[in-house]
Amino acid sequence: MTLQFIHDNKGNTTGVFIPIEEWQTLKTKYVDLQREEAENVVELSSWQKNIIDERLSDYYKSPLDVADFDTTIDDIENGL
C-alpha cells in the first residue's frame, strides 16, 4: 500500500493520503468503509457555494494578489 502522510507546518502528522485505487480495494474488502463513506458525505449549502464562487472570481481577476499560506499562519500565530 502506498501511503502518503500529511503533516502540518510543525511536522505533526495530521492525516494519511491513500490513492483512490487502493481506497476502492479497501472498500470492497471492508464493507463498513463503504457505508461509513456514504454516511459522511457533506453537501455544501448554497451560501457556502456562493462564497467559494465569489472568492474564485476574485482570484481569477487578480491571480497574483494572494497570500502565502505559511506566512499567513505565522502572522496569525504571532498576533499579526
Protein backbone atom coordinates (compact mmCIF):
# COMPACT_ATOMS: atom_id res chain seq x y z
CA MET A 1 0.00 0.00 0.00
CA THR A 2 1.33 3.41 -0.98
CA LEU A 3 0.52 5.83 1.82
CA GLN A 4 1.45 9.48 2.00
CA PHE A 5 1.43 11.10 5.40
CA ILE A 6 0.18 14.66 5.68
CA HIS A 7 1.96 16.96 8.13
CA ASP A 8 1.20 20.41 9.48
CA ASN A 9 3.74 23.23 9.44
CA LYS A 10 5.18 21.95 12.73
CA GLY A 11 5.81 18.45 11.38
CA ASN A 12 2.93 16.76 13.20
CA THR A 13 1.19 14.03 11.23
CA THR A 14 -2.38 15.18 10.64
CA GLY A 15 -3.63 12.70 8.06
CA VAL A 16 -2.95 9.99 5.56
CA PHE A 17 -3.49 10.05 1.81
CA ILE A 18 -4.48 6.75 0.20
CA PRO A 19 -4.52 6.51 -3.61
CA ILE A 20 -8.08 6.11 -4.89
CA GLU A 21 -7.43 2.68 -6.40
CA GLU A 22 -6.29 1.39 -3.03
CA TRP A 23 -9.25 3.06 -1.31
CA GLN A 24 -11.64 1.27 -3.70
CA THR A 25 -9.93 -2.04 -2.90
CA LEU A 26 -10.24 -1.42 0.84
CA LYS A 27 -13.95 -0.61 0.46
CA THR A 28 -14.61 -3.93 -1.25
CA LYS A 29 -12.64 -5.77 1.41
CA TYR A 30 -14.20 -3.93 4.35
CA VAL A 31 -17.86 -3.29 3.56
CA ASP A 32 -18.32 -0.99 6.56
CA LEU A 33 -15.95 1.52 4.94
CA GLN A 34 -18.36 1.98 2.06
CA ARG A 35 -21.24 2.60 4.47
CA GLU A 36 -19.10 4.97 6.52
CA GLU A 37 -18.12 6.90 3.41
CA ALA A 38 -21.75 7.25 2.31
CA GLU A 39 -22.80 8.48 5.75
CA ASN A 40 -20.07 11.13 5.86
CA VAL A 41 -20.68 12.85 2.55
CA VAL A 42 -21.27 16.51 3.25
CA GLU A 43 -23.01 18.71 0.73
CA LEU A 44 -22.16 22.40 0.81
CA SER A 45 -25.04 24.77 1.34
CA SER A 46 -25.86 27.37 -1.31
CA TRP A 47 -24.39 30.21 0.77
CA GLN A 48 -21.12 28.29 1.10
CA LYS A 49 -21.04 27.66 -2.65
CA ASN A 50 -21.69 31.37 -3.25
CA ILE A 51 -18.73 32.35 -1.07
CA ILE A 52 -16.48 29.94 -2.96
CA ASP A 53 -17.72 31.31 -6.28
CA GLU A 54 -17.02 34.89 -5.13
CA ARG A 55 -13.53 34.02 -3.93
CA LEU A 56 -12.71 32.16 -7.13
CA SER A 57 -13.96 35.10 -9.16
CA ASP A 58 -11.73 37.46 -7.17
CA TYR A 59 -8.79 35.13 -7.66
CA TYR A 60 -9.33 34.86 -11.41
CA LYS A 61 -9.45 38.67 -11.64
CA SER A 62 -6.15 39.07 -9.73
CA PRO A 63 -4.28 35.75 -9.52
CA LEU A 64 -1.12 37.41 -8.19
CA ASP A 65 -2.94 39.10 -5.30
CA VAL A 66 -2.64 36.17 -2.91
CA ALA A 67 -1.02 35.48 0.45
CA ASP A 68 1.36 32.63 1.17
CA PHE A 69 -0.33 30.12 3.49
CA ASP A 70 2.63 29.53 5.82
CA THR A 71 3.32 33.26 6.12
CA THR A 72 -0.33 33.94 6.88
CA ILE A 73 -0.42 31.23 9.57
CA ASP A 74 2.78 32.61 11.10
CA ASP A 75 1.24 36.10 11.16
CA ILE A 76 -1.89 34.76 12.87
CA GLU A 77 0.11 32.80 15.43
CA ASN A 78 2.30 35.83 16.16
CA GLY A 79 -0.70 38.11 16.64
CA LEU A 80 -0.22 39.88 13.31
